[in-house]
């Protein structure tokens, strides 16, 4: 039980110590989700949760998979 925890802690330590900015992906994800044009004092939900349309989130999240499936279904990969 402690082995996965130790591996995870080692991973975090190595990640933090080896990279100049190790958790930039968290910051980038935050900046991509928040609507900076909306004033949080006027409408906090619009500011913090403006991407609540789950269909668009799914499409954005799986865009690479969708591209691969479309490529495979197009038949271009069989022409090689």
C-alpha atoms as a PDB file:
ATOM      1  CA  UNK A   1       0.000   0.000   0.000  1.00  0.00           C
ATOM      2  CA  UNK A   2       2.814   2.420   0.744  1.00  0.00           C
ATOM      3  CA  UNK A   3       4.704   1.638  -2.452  1.00  0.00           C
ATOM      4  CA  UNK A   4       2.371   3.611  -4.773  1.00  0.00           C
ATOM      5  CA  UNK A   5       2.489   6.546  -2.373  1.00  0.00           C
ATOM      6  CA  UNK A   6       6.286   6.480  -2.313  1.00  0.00           C
ATOM      7  CA  UNK A   7       6.454   6.295  -6.093  1.00  0.00           C
ATOM      8  CA  UNK A   8       4.067   9.221  -6.384  1.00  0.00           C
ATOM      9  CA  UNK A   9       6.060  11.300  -3.886  1.00  0.00           C
ATOM     10  CA  UNK A  10       9.290  10.524  -5.753  1.00  0.00           C
ATOM     11  CA  UNK A  11       7.616  11.548  -9.000  1.00  0.00           C
ATOM     12  CA  UNK A  12       6.488  14.854  -7.501  1.00  0.00           C
ATOM     13  CA  UNK A  13       9.919  15.578  -6.048  1.00  0.00           C
ATOM     14  CA  UNK A  14      11.638  14.828  -9.351  1.00  0.00           C
ATOM     15  CA  UNK A  15       9.123  16.870 -11.289  1.00  0.00           C
ATOM     16  CA  UNK A  16       9.476  19.890  -9.044  1.00  0.00           C
ATOM     17  CA  UNK A  17      13.252  19.733  -8.817  1.00  0.00           C
ATOM     18  CA  UNK A  18      13.981  19.094 -12.517  1.00  0.00           C
ATOM     19  CA  UNK A  19      11.734  21.612 -14.214  1.00  0.00           C
ATOM     20  CA  UNK A  20      11.975  25.365 -14.079  1.00  0.00           C
ATOM     21  CA  UNK A  21       8.175  25.748 -13.976  1.00  0.00           C
ATOM     22  CA  UNK A  22       6.876  22.250 -13.257  1.00  0.00           C
ATOM     23  CA  UNK A  23       3.179  22.946 -12.863  1.00  0.00           C
ATOM     24  CA  UNK A  24       2.597  25.349 -15.730  1.00  0.00           C
ATOM     25  CA  UNK A  25       0.021  22.970 -17.186  1.00  0.00           C
ATOM     26  CA  UNK A  26      -2.242  23.632 -14.183  1.00  0.00           C
ATOM     27  CA  UNK A  27      -1.912  27.369 -14.638  1.00  0.00           C
ATOM     28  CA  UNK A  28      -2.523  27.101 -18.382  1.00  0.00           C
ATOM     29  CA  UNK A  29      -5.619  24.974 -17.822  1.00  0.00           C
ATOM     30  CA  UNK A  30      -6.915  27.542 -15.346  1.00  0.00           C
ATOM     31  CA  UNK A  31      -6.387  30.412 -17.773  1.00  0.00           C
ATOM     32  CA  UNK A  32      -8.098  28.468 -20.561  1.00  0.00           C
ATOM     33  CA  UNK A  33     -11.201  27.737 -18.487  1.00  0.00           C
ATOM     34  CA  UNK A  34     -11.850  31.141 -16.913  1.00  0.00           C
ATOM     35  CA  UNK A  35     -13.656  33.825 -18.886  1.00  0.00           C
ATOM     36  CA  UNK A  36     -11.483  36.871 -18.261  1.00  0.00           C
ATOM     37  CA  UNK A  37     -13.875  39.245 -20.060  1.00  0.00           C
ATOM     38  CA  UNK A  38     -16.646  38.681 -17.505  1.00  0.00           C
ATOM     39  CA  UNK A  39     -16.491  40.577 -14.240  1.00  0.00           C
ATOM     40  CA  UNK A  40     -16.575  38.113 -11.316  1.00  0.00           C
ATOM     41  CA  UNK A  41     -18.317  40.700  -9.126  1.00  0.00           C
ATOM     42  CA  UNK A  42     -21.218  40.972 -11.582  1.00  0.00           C
ATOM     43  CA  UNK A  43     -21.630  37.317 -12.532  1.00  0.00           C
ATOM     44  CA  UNK A  44     -19.214  34.870 -10.930  1.00  0.00           C
ATOM     45  CA  UNK A  45     -20.734  31.840 -12.668  1.00  0.00           C
ATOM     46  CA  UNK A  46     -20.121  33.361 -16.100  1.00  0.00           C
ATOM     47  CA  UNK A  47     -16.563  34.230 -15.043  1.00  0.00           C
ATOM     48  CA  UNK A  48     -15.637  30.838 -13.565  1.00  0.00           C
ATOM     49  CA  UNK A  49     -17.846  28.378 -15.452  1.00  0.00           C
ATOM     50  CA  UNK A  50     -18.468  29.835 -18.869  1.00  0.00           C
ATOM     51  CA  UNK A  51     -17.334  26.600 -20.540  1.00  0.00           C
ATOM     52  CA  UNK A  52     -20.111  24.598 -18.968  1.00  0.00           C
ATOM     53  CA  UNK A  53     -21.262  23.264 -22.327  1.00  0.00           C
ATOM     54  CA  UNK A  54     -20.095  19.690 -21.863  1.00  0.00           C
ATOM     55  CA  UNK A  55     -20.322  18.808 -25.566  1.00  0.00           C
ATOM     56  CA  UNK A  56     -17.775  21.458 -26.448  1.00  0.00           C
ATOM     57  CA  UNK A  57     -15.518  20.334 -23.591  1.00  0.00           C
ATOM     58  CA  UNK A  58     -15.676  16.742 -24.808  1.00  0.00           C
ATOM     59  CA  UNK A  59     -14.840  17.789 -28.350  1.00  0.00           C
ATOM     60  CA  UNK A  60     -11.909  19.911 -27.144  1.00  0.00           C
ATOM     61  CA  UNK A  61     -10.663  17.165 -24.843  1.00  0.00           C
ATOM     62  CA  UNK A  62     -10.807  14.442 -27.457  1.00  0.00           C
ATOM     63  CA  UNK A  63      -9.816  16.494 -30.503  1.00  0.00           C
ATOM     64  CA  UNK A  64      -6.696  14.395 -31.150  1.00  0.00           C
ATOM     65  CA  UNK A  65      -8.671  11.161 -30.941  1.00  0.00           C
ATOM     66  CA  UNK A  66     -11.316  12.561 -33.266  1.00  0.00           C
ATOM     67  CA  UNK A  67      -8.621  13.551 -35.792  1.00  0.00           C
ATOM     68  CA  UNK A  68      -7.120  10.060 -35.667  1.00  0.00           C
ATOM     69  CA  UNK A  69     -10.488   8.372 -36.172  1.00  0.00           C
ATOM     70  CA  UNK A  70     -11.356  10.655 -39.077  1.00  0.00           C
ATOM     71  CA  UNK A  71      -7.968   9.955 -40.654  1.00  0.00           C
ATOM     72  CA  UNK A  72      -8.405   6.206 -40.268  1.00  0.00           C
ATOM     73  CA  UNK A  73     -11.923   6.284 -41.680  1.00  0.00           C
ATOM     74  CA  UNK A  74     -10.913   8.450 -44.638  1.00  0.00           C
ATOM     75  CA  UNK A  75      -8.956   5.615 -46.211  1.00  0.00           C
ATOM     76  CA  UNK A  76      -5.819   7.705 -46.703  1.00  0.00           C
ATOM     77  CA  UNK A  77      -3.833   5.480 -44.389  1.00  0.00           C
ATOM     78  CA  UNK A  78      -4.577   2.458 -46.625  1.00  0.00           C
ATOM     79  CA  UNK A  79      -3.097   4.124 -49.729  1.00  0.00           C
ATOM     80  CA  UNK A  80       0.497   3.883 -48.520  1.00  0.00           C
END
